[in-house]
């Protein structure tokens, strides 16, 4: 109800401003008459739904829904970009090659949910050094990206 009253008040103010700056001849009368007609339409609009079916109403309201497929696609695109970035980060920082999979939530902001990194090449390290390296990689990923990381 408050929004309805505010919309009427806003329309009246706009029409008043237009009628002040409109010319005084026939064109001015036409503009003022059109403004009054517009105010009348806005005032009567809520009653249109009472007398007719909602589907035939000129001023119908639609329910808004989220497009789940779009949100999933956005999360997928961001995950793919993260996968490339993480692969480069692991190669530059730890000199390893890995297959990376990033999972994101399809909610506001698309936060990262989980990172899975499967190391395919450890590079050149000493005997048994890869065991410590997987734990170091996991900790670095969790610290840098702020989500759970699984490294194998």
N, C-alpha and C. Protein backbone atom coordinates (compact mmCIF):
# COMPACT_ATOMS: atom_id res chain seq x y z
N UNK A 1 0.83 -1.19 0.00
CA UNK A 1 0.00 0.00 0.00
C UNK A 1 0.88 1.26 0.00
N UNK A 2 1.97 1.18 0.79
CA UNK A 2 2.87 2.32 0.86
C UNK A 2 3.50 2.62 -0.50
N UNK A 3 3.89 1.56 -1.20
CA UNK A 3 4.50 1.73 -2.52
C UNK A 3 3.49 2.32 -3.51
N UNK A 4 2.23 1.91 -3.38
CA UNK A 4 1.18 2.42 -4.26
C UNK A 4 1.00 3.92 -4.06
N UNK A 5 0.94 4.35 -2.81
CA UNK A 5 0.77 5.77 -2.51
C UNK A 5 1.98 6.57 -2.97
N UNK A 6 3.17 6.02 -2.74
CA UNK A 6 4.39 6.71 -3.18
C UNK A 6 4.47 6.81 -4.70
N UNK A 7 4.01 5.79 -5.40
CA UNK A 7 4.05 5.86 -6.86
C UNK A 7 3.08 6.92 -7.37
N UNK A 8 1.91 7.02 -6.76
CA UNK A 8 0.95 8.06 -7.17
C UNK A 8 1.53 9.44 -6.88
N UNK A 9 2.13 9.61 -5.71
CA UNK A 9 2.72 10.91 -5.35
C UNK A 9 3.85 11.27 -6.32
N UNK A 10 4.66 10.30 -6.68
CA UNK A 10 5.75 10.55 -7.62
C UNK A 10 5.24 10.95 -8.99
N UNK A 11 4.21 10.27 -9.46
CA UNK A 11 3.63 10.60 -10.77
C UNK A 11 3.04 12.00 -10.75
N UNK A 12 2.33 12.33 -9.67
CA UNK A 12 1.73 13.67 -9.56
C UNK A 12 2.81 14.74 -9.60
N UNK A 13 3.91 14.53 -8.89
CA UNK A 13 5.01 15.50 -8.90
C UNK A 13 5.63 15.65 -10.28
N UNK A 14 5.83 14.54 -10.97
CA UNK A 14 6.42 14.60 -12.31
C UNK A 14 5.48 15.33 -13.26
N UNK A 15 4.19 15.01 -13.21
CA UNK A 15 3.22 15.67 -14.08
C UNK A 15 3.12 17.15 -13.75
N UNK A 16 3.19 17.50 -12.47
CA UNK A 16 3.15 18.92 -12.08
C UNK A 16 4.35 19.66 -12.65
N UNK A 17 5.52 19.04 -12.58
CA UNK A 17 6.71 19.69 -13.13
C UNK A 17 6.60 19.85 -14.64
N UNK A 18 6.05 18.85 -15.31
CA UNK A 18 5.88 18.94 -16.76
C UNK A 18 4.88 20.02 -17.13
N UNK A 19 3.79 20.12 -16.37
CA UNK A 19 2.78 21.13 -16.70
C UNK A 19 3.30 22.55 -16.41
N UNK A 20 4.24 22.72 -15.51
CA UNK A 20 4.82 24.04 -15.25
C UNK A 20 5.67 24.49 -16.44
N UNK A 21 6.42 23.56 -17.01
CA UNK A 21 7.32 23.95 -18.11
C UNK A 21 6.68 23.80 -19.49
N UNK A 22 5.45 23.27 -19.54
CA UNK A 22 4.79 23.11 -20.84
C UNK A 22 4.29 24.46 -21.37
N UNK A 23 4.16 24.59 -22.69
CA UNK A 23 3.68 25.86 -23.28
C UNK A 23 2.21 26.11 -22.90
N UNK A 24 1.77 27.36 -23.08
CA UNK A 24 0.42 27.72 -22.63
C UNK A 24 -0.65 27.56 -23.70
N UNK A 25 -0.30 27.22 -24.91
CA UNK A 25 -1.29 27.09 -26.00
C UNK A 25 -1.98 25.74 -25.99
N UNK A 26 -2.39 25.33 -27.20
CA UNK A 26 -3.11 24.07 -27.35
C UNK A 26 -2.22 22.88 -26.95
N UNK A 27 -0.95 22.97 -27.25
CA UNK A 27 -0.03 21.88 -26.91
C UNK A 27 0.05 21.72 -25.39
N UNK A 28 0.06 22.82 -24.65
CA UNK A 28 0.10 22.78 -23.19
C UNK A 28 -1.13 22.09 -22.63
N UNK A 29 -2.31 22.39 -23.19
CA UNK A 29 -3.54 21.75 -22.74
C UNK A 29 -3.49 20.25 -23.02
N UNK A 30 -2.95 19.88 -24.18
CA UNK A 30 -2.84 18.47 -24.53
C UNK A 30 -1.92 17.73 -23.55
N UNK A 31 -0.77 18.33 -23.23
CA UNK A 31 0.19 17.71 -22.32
C UNK A 31 -0.41 17.56 -20.93
N UNK A 32 -1.11 18.60 -20.44
CA UNK A 32 -1.74 18.53 -19.12
C UNK A 32 -2.84 17.48 -19.09
N UNK A 33 -3.63 17.41 -20.15
CA UNK A 33 -4.69 16.41 -20.22
C UNK A 33 -4.14 14.99 -20.25
N UNK A 34 -3.06 14.79 -20.99
CA UNK A 34 -2.42 13.48 -21.05
C UNK A 34 -1.85 13.10 -19.68
N UNK A 35 -1.28 14.05 -19.00
CA UNK A 35 -0.76 13.81 -17.65
C UNK A 35 -1.85 13.40 -16.69
N UNK A 36 -2.99 14.08 -16.74
CA UNK A 36 -4.12 13.73 -15.86
C UNK A 36 -4.64 12.33 -16.18
N UNK A 37 -4.69 12.00 -17.46
CA UNK A 37 -5.13 10.67 -17.86
C UNK A 37 -4.17 9.60 -17.34
N UNK A 38 -2.89 9.90 -17.41
CA UNK A 38 -1.87 8.96 -16.91
C UNK A 38 -2.03 8.75 -15.40
N UNK A 39 -2.26 9.82 -14.66
CA UNK A 39 -2.48 9.72 -13.21
C UNK A 39 -3.70 8.85 -12.93
N UNK A 40 -4.76 9.06 -13.69
CA UNK A 40 -5.98 8.27 -13.51
C UNK A 40 -5.72 6.78 -13.76
N UNK A 41 -4.96 6.46 -14.80
CA UNK A 41 -4.64 5.06 -15.10
C UNK A 41 -3.85 4.43 -13.96
N UNK A 42 -2.90 5.16 -13.42
CA UNK A 42 -2.09 4.63 -12.32
C UNK A 42 -2.94 4.42 -11.08
N UNK A 43 -3.87 5.31 -10.83
CA UNK A 43 -4.72 5.18 -9.64
C UNK A 43 -5.70 4.01 -9.77
N UNK A 44 -6.17 3.72 -10.98
CA UNK A 44 -7.17 2.68 -11.19
C UNK A 44 -6.52 1.31 -11.40
N UNK A 45 -5.25 1.25 -11.70
CA UNK A 45 -4.56 0.00 -12.04
C UNK A 45 -4.76 -1.11 -11.01
N UNK A 46 -4.67 -0.89 -9.71
CA UNK A 46 -4.85 -2.00 -8.77
C UNK A 46 -6.26 -2.60 -8.80
N UNK A 47 -7.24 -1.82 -9.19
CA UNK A 47 -8.61 -2.33 -9.22
C UNK A 47 -8.88 -3.17 -10.46
N UNK A 48 -8.03 -3.10 -11.46
CA UNK A 48 -8.23 -3.88 -12.68
C UNK A 48 -8.18 -5.38 -12.40
N UNK A 49 -7.37 -5.80 -11.44
CA UNK A 49 -7.26 -7.22 -11.12
C UNK A 49 -8.48 -7.73 -10.34
N UNK A 50 -9.21 -6.85 -9.69
CA UNK A 50 -10.40 -7.28 -8.95
C UNK A 50 -11.53 -7.66 -9.88
N UNK A 51 -11.67 -6.99 -10.99
CA UNK A 51 -12.82 -7.19 -11.87
C UNK A 51 -12.58 -8.19 -12.99
N UNK A 52 -11.36 -8.51 -13.26
CA UNK A 52 -11.07 -9.44 -14.36
C UNK A 52 -10.17 -10.54 -13.88
N UNK A 53 -9.98 -11.53 -14.75
CA UNK A 53 -9.07 -12.61 -14.42
C UNK A 53 -7.64 -12.09 -14.49
N UNK A 54 -6.82 -12.66 -13.69
CA UNK A 54 -5.45 -12.17 -13.60
C UNK A 54 -4.69 -12.35 -14.91
N UNK A 55 -4.96 -13.43 -15.64
CA UNK A 55 -4.21 -13.68 -16.87
C UNK A 55 -4.57 -12.69 -17.97
N UNK A 56 -5.78 -12.10 -17.92
CA UNK A 56 -6.20 -11.16 -18.94
C UNK A 56 -5.91 -9.71 -18.55
N UNK A 57 -5.39 -9.51 -17.38
CA UNK A 57 -5.17 -8.16 -16.88
C UNK A 57 -4.02 -7.48 -17.63
N UNK A 58 -4.18 -6.20 -17.85
CA UNK A 58 -3.15 -5.41 -18.51
C UNK A 58 -1.94 -5.27 -17.59
N UNK A 59 -2.18 -5.17 -16.29
CA UNK A 59 -1.13 -4.97 -15.29
C UNK A 59 -0.90 -6.26 -14.53
N UNK A 60 -0.49 -7.31 -15.19
CA UNK A 60 -0.28 -8.58 -14.51
C UNK A 60 1.13 -8.64 -13.93
N UNK A 61 1.25 -9.44 -12.91
CA UNK A 61 2.55 -9.63 -12.28
C UNK A 61 3.02 -11.04 -12.58
N UNK A 62 4.30 -11.20 -12.76
CA UNK A 62 4.89 -12.48 -13.08
C UNK A 62 5.76 -12.93 -11.90
N UNK A 63 5.78 -14.20 -11.68
CA UNK A 63 6.66 -14.76 -10.67
C UNK A 63 8.06 -14.86 -11.26
N UNK A 64 9.03 -14.42 -10.49
CA UNK A 64 10.41 -14.52 -10.95
C UNK A 64 11.02 -15.79 -10.38
N UNK A 65 11.80 -16.46 -11.20
CA UNK A 65 12.48 -17.65 -10.74
C UNK A 65 13.93 -17.60 -11.23
N UNK A 66 14.77 -18.35 -10.55
CA UNK A 66 16.17 -18.36 -10.93
C UNK A 66 16.37 -19.35 -12.08
N UNK A 67 17.30 -19.03 -12.93
CA UNK A 67 17.64 -19.90 -14.05
C UNK A 67 18.80 -20.78 -13.60
N UNK A 68 18.46 -21.97 -13.15
CA UNK A 68 19.46 -22.88 -12.59
C UNK A 68 20.53 -23.27 -13.60
N UNK A 69 20.15 -23.46 -14.86
CA UNK A 69 21.14 -23.86 -15.86
C UNK A 69 22.16 -22.75 -16.08
N UNK A 70 21.71 -21.49 -16.01
CA UNK A 70 22.63 -20.37 -16.17
C UNK A 70 23.61 -20.31 -15.00
N UNK A 71 23.10 -20.50 -13.79
CA UNK A 71 23.97 -20.47 -12.61
C UNK A 71 24.99 -21.60 -12.65
N UNK A 72 24.55 -22.78 -13.09
CA UNK A 72 25.48 -23.90 -13.19
C UNK A 72 26.56 -23.63 -14.24
N UNK A 73 26.17 -23.02 -15.34
CA UNK A 73 27.14 -22.70 -16.40
C UNK A 73 28.15 -21.66 -15.90
N UNK A 74 27.67 -20.66 -15.18
CA UNK A 74 28.59 -19.65 -14.62
C UNK A 74 29.58 -20.29 -13.66
N UNK A 75 29.09 -21.18 -12.79
CA UNK A 75 29.98 -21.88 -11.86
C UNK A 75 30.98 -22.74 -12.62
N UNK A 76 30.54 -23.37 -13.70
CA UNK A 76 31.42 -24.21 -14.51
C UNK A 76 32.52 -23.38 -15.18
N UNK A 77 32.16 -22.23 -15.72
CA UNK A 77 33.15 -21.36 -16.36
C UNK A 77 34.20 -20.90 -15.36
N UNK A 78 33.74 -20.47 -14.18
CA UNK A 78 34.68 -20.04 -13.15
C UNK A 78 35.57 -21.19 -12.69
N UNK A 79 35.01 -22.40 -12.60
CA UNK A 79 35.81 -23.57 -12.21
C UNK A 79 36.89 -23.86 -13.24
N UNK A 80 36.54 -23.76 -14.52
CA UNK A 80 37.52 -24.00 -15.58
C UNK A 80 38.66 -22.99 -15.53
N UNK A 81 38.32 -21.72 -15.26
CA UNK A 81 39.37 -20.70 -15.14
C UNK A 81 40.25 -20.99 -13.94
N UNK A 82 39.64 -21.41 -12.82
CA UNK A 82 40.42 -21.76 -11.63
C UNK A 82 41.34 -22.94 -11.90
N UNK A 83 40.84 -23.92 -12.63
CA UNK A 83 41.65 -25.10 -12.92
C UNK A 83 42.91 -24.73 -13.68
N UNK A 84 42.78 -23.85 -14.67
CA UNK A 84 43.97 -23.40 -15.42
C UNK A 84 44.93 -22.65 -14.50
N UNK A 85 44.38 -21.75 -13.68
CA UNK A 85 45.22 -20.95 -12.78
C UNK A 85 45.94 -21.84 -11.78
N UNK A 86 45.24 -22.81 -11.20
CA UNK A 86 45.85 -23.68 -10.19
C UNK A 86 46.91 -24.57 -10.83
N UNK A 87 46.66 -25.05 -12.04
CA UNK A 87 47.65 -25.86 -12.73
C UNK A 87 48.94 -25.07 -12.94
N UNK A 88 48.81 -23.82 -13.38
CA UNK A 88 49.99 -22.96 -13.56
C UNK A 88 50.68 -22.67 -12.22
N UNK A 89 49.88 -22.42 -11.18
CA UNK A 89 50.42 -22.13 -9.85
C UNK A 89 51.24 -23.32 -9.34
N UNK A 90 50.70 -24.54 -9.48
CA UNK A 90 51.42 -25.73 -9.02
C UNK A 90 52.70 -25.96 -9.81
N UNK A 91 52.65 -25.67 -11.11
CA UNK A 91 53.84 -25.84 -11.94
C UNK A 91 54.91 -24.83 -11.57
N UNK A 92 54.52 -23.57 -11.37
CA UNK A 92 55.50 -22.53 -11.05
C UNK A 92 56.04 -22.66 -9.63
N UNK A 93 55.17 -22.97 -8.68
CA UNK A 93 55.57 -22.99 -7.27
C UNK A 93 56.25 -24.29 -6.86
N UNK A 94 55.67 -25.42 -7.27
CA UNK A 94 56.17 -26.72 -6.80
C UNK A 94 56.83 -27.55 -7.91
N UNK A 95 56.87 -27.04 -9.13
CA UNK A 95 57.45 -27.74 -10.28
C UNK A 95 56.80 -29.11 -10.50
N UNK A 96 55.48 -29.15 -10.33
CA UNK A 96 54.77 -30.40 -10.56
C UNK A 96 53.69 -30.19 -11.62
N UNK A 97 53.32 -31.29 -12.26
CA UNK A 97 52.24 -31.27 -13.22
C UNK A 97 51.07 -32.02 -12.59
N UNK A 98 49.87 -31.42 -12.69
CA UNK A 98 48.72 -32.05 -12.04
C UNK A 98 47.46 -31.84 -12.87
N UNK A 99 46.55 -32.78 -12.72
CA UNK A 99 45.21 -32.63 -13.27
C UNK A 99 44.35 -32.06 -12.15
N UNK A 100 43.77 -30.90 -12.39
CA UNK A 100 43.04 -30.19 -11.34
C UNK A 100 41.56 -30.13 -11.68
N UNK A 101 40.74 -30.36 -10.68
CA UNK A 101 39.29 -30.23 -10.82
C UNK A 101 38.80 -29.35 -9.67
N UNK A 102 38.06 -28.28 -10.01
CA UNK A 102 37.54 -27.36 -9.01
C UNK A 102 36.02 -27.46 -8.98
N UNK A 103 35.49 -27.58 -7.79
CA UNK A 103 34.04 -27.63 -7.61
C UNK A 103 33.59 -26.34 -6.94
N UNK A 104 32.55 -25.71 -7.51
CA UNK A 104 32.00 -24.47 -6.97
C UNK A 104 30.53 -24.66 -6.67
N UNK A 105 30.03 -23.89 -5.72
CA UNK A 105 28.60 -23.89 -5.42
C UNK A 105 27.91 -22.95 -6.40
N UNK A 106 26.67 -23.25 -6.75
CA UNK A 106 25.93 -22.39 -7.68
C UNK A 106 25.05 -21.40 -6.91
N UNK A 107 25.62 -20.84 -5.86
CA UNK A 107 24.94 -19.83 -5.06
C UNK A 107 25.62 -18.48 -5.27
N UNK A 108 25.15 -17.48 -4.60
CA UNK A 108 25.68 -16.13 -4.75
C UNK A 108 27.20 -16.10 -4.57
N UNK A 109 27.88 -15.55 -5.53
CA UNK A 109 29.33 -15.43 -5.47
C UNK A 109 30.07 -16.65 -5.97
N UNK A 110 29.39 -17.76 -6.16
CA UNK A 110 29.97 -19.01 -6.65
C UNK A 110 31.23 -19.39 -5.86
N UNK A 111 31.12 -19.56 -4.53
CA UNK A 111 32.32 -19.87 -3.74
C UNK A 111 32.87 -21.26 -4.08
N UNK A 112 34.18 -21.39 -3.94
CA UNK A 112 34.81 -22.68 -4.18
C UNK A 112 34.40 -23.64 -3.07
N UNK A 113 34.11 -24.86 -3.46
CA UNK A 113 33.69 -25.87 -2.51
C UNK A 113 34.83 -26.85 -2.22
N UNK A 114 35.51 -27.25 -3.30
CA UNK A 114 36.55 -28.28 -3.15
C UNK A 114 37.48 -28.22 -4.35
N UNK A 115 38.76 -28.52 -4.10
CA UNK A 115 39.76 -28.62 -5.17
C UNK A 115 40.34 -30.02 -5.10
N UNK A 116 40.32 -30.70 -6.24
CA UNK A 116 40.95 -32.02 -6.34
C UNK A 116 42.13 -31.90 -7.30
N UNK A 117 43.30 -32.28 -6.83
CA UNK A 117 44.49 -32.23 -7.67
C UNK A 117 45.13 -33.62 -7.70
N UNK A 118 45.24 -34.16 -8.89
CA UNK A 118 45.90 -35.46 -9.07
C UNK A 118 47.25 -35.19 -9.73
N UNK A 119 48.30 -35.39 -8.97
CA UNK A 119 49.64 -35.09 -9.45
C UNK A 119 50.07 -36.19 -10.42
N UNK A 120 50.43 -35.75 -11.63
CA UNK A 120 50.85 -36.71 -12.67
C UNK A 120 52.37 -36.76 -12.82
N UNK A 121 53.05 -35.68 -12.44
CA UNK A 121 54.51 -35.66 -12.54
C UNK A 121 55.06 -34.80 -11.41
N UNK A 122 55.84 -35.42 -10.54
CA UNK A 122 56.41 -34.72 -9.40
C UNK A 122 57.66 -33.93 -9.75
N UNK A 123 58.14 -34.06 -10.94
CA UNK A 123 59.39 -33.39 -11.28
C UNK A 123 60.55 -34.17 -10.69
N UNK A 124 61.65 -33.50 -10.51
CA UNK A 124 62.84 -34.16 -9.98
C UNK A 124 62.95 -33.85 -8.50
N UNK A 125 62.71 -34.89 -7.68
CA UNK A 125 62.88 -34.74 -6.23
C UNK A 125 63.55 -36.00 -5.70
N UNK A 126 64.02 -35.92 -4.49
CA UNK A 126 64.73 -37.06 -3.89
C UNK A 126 63.80 -38.23 -3.62
N UNK A 127 64.41 -39.31 -3.17
CA UNK A 127 63.66 -40.53 -2.93
C UNK A 127 62.67 -40.32 -1.78
N UNK A 128 61.39 -40.60 -2.01
CA UNK A 128 60.35 -40.48 -0.98
C UNK A 128 59.92 -39.04 -0.72
N UNK A 129 60.48 -38.10 -1.43
CA UNK A 129 60.14 -36.69 -1.21
C UNK A 129 58.75 -36.33 -1.66
N UNK A 130 58.17 -37.12 -2.55
CA UNK A 130 56.83 -36.82 -3.05
C UNK A 130 55.77 -36.95 -1.96
N UNK A 131 56.04 -37.74 -0.93
CA UNK A 131 55.07 -37.93 0.15
C UNK A 131 54.88 -36.60 0.89
N UNK A 132 55.97 -35.94 1.22
CA UNK A 132 55.87 -34.65 1.90
C UNK A 132 55.32 -33.58 0.97
N UNK A 133 55.63 -33.71 -0.30
CA UNK A 133 55.22 -32.70 -1.26
C UNK A 133 53.69 -32.66 -1.41
N UNK A 134 53.03 -33.81 -1.40
CA UNK A 134 51.56 -33.80 -1.52
C UNK A 134 50.91 -33.06 -0.36
N UNK A 135 51.46 -33.23 0.82
CA UNK A 135 50.90 -32.52 1.99
C UNK A 135 51.17 -31.03 1.89
N UNK A 136 52.36 -30.66 1.40
CA UNK A 136 52.68 -29.24 1.22
C UNK A 136 51.76 -28.61 0.17
N UNK A 137 51.49 -29.32 -0.90
CA UNK A 137 50.61 -28.83 -1.96
C UNK A 137 49.20 -28.65 -1.41
N UNK A 138 48.72 -29.64 -0.66
CA UNK A 138 47.38 -29.55 -0.09
C UNK A 138 47.23 -28.34 0.82
N UNK A 139 48.20 -28.13 1.68
CA UNK A 139 48.15 -26.99 2.61
C UNK A 139 48.20 -25.66 1.84
N UNK A 140 49.06 -25.60 0.83
CA UNK A 140 49.19 -24.37 0.04
C UNK A 140 47.89 -24.06 -0.70
N UNK A 141 47.25 -25.07 -1.27
CA UNK A 141 45.99 -24.85 -1.98
C UNK A 141 44.88 -24.40 -1.03
N UNK A 142 44.80 -25.04 0.13
CA UNK A 142 43.76 -24.65 1.09
C UNK A 142 43.97 -23.23 1.59
N UNK A 143 45.24 -22.88 1.82
CA UNK A 143 45.53 -21.52 2.30
C UNK A 143 45.27 -20.48 1.23
N UNK A 144 45.68 -20.77 0.02
CA UNK A 144 45.55 -19.79 -1.07
C UNK A 144 44.11 -19.62 -1.55
N UNK A 145 43.36 -20.71 -1.64
CA UNK A 145 42.02 -20.66 -2.24
C UNK A 145 40.88 -20.77 -1.22
N UNK A 146 41.18 -21.02 0.02
CA UNK A 146 40.19 -20.97 1.08
C UNK A 146 39.12 -22.04 1.03
N UNK A 147 39.46 -23.23 0.59
CA UNK A 147 38.49 -24.33 0.58
C UNK A 147 39.23 -25.64 0.77
N UNK A 148 38.47 -26.71 0.90
CA UNK A 148 39.06 -28.04 1.08
C UNK A 148 39.83 -28.43 -0.18
N UNK A 149 41.00 -29.04 0.02
CA UNK A 149 41.80 -29.50 -1.11
C UNK A 149 42.16 -30.96 -0.88
N UNK A 150 42.05 -31.76 -1.93
CA UNK A 150 42.42 -33.17 -1.90
C UNK A 150 43.51 -33.35 -2.94
N UNK A 151 44.67 -33.82 -2.50
CA UNK A 151 45.79 -34.00 -3.41
C UNK A 151 46.19 -35.47 -3.40
N UNK A 152 46.29 -36.06 -4.57
CA UNK A 152 46.70 -37.46 -4.65
C UNK A 152 47.75 -37.63 -5.73
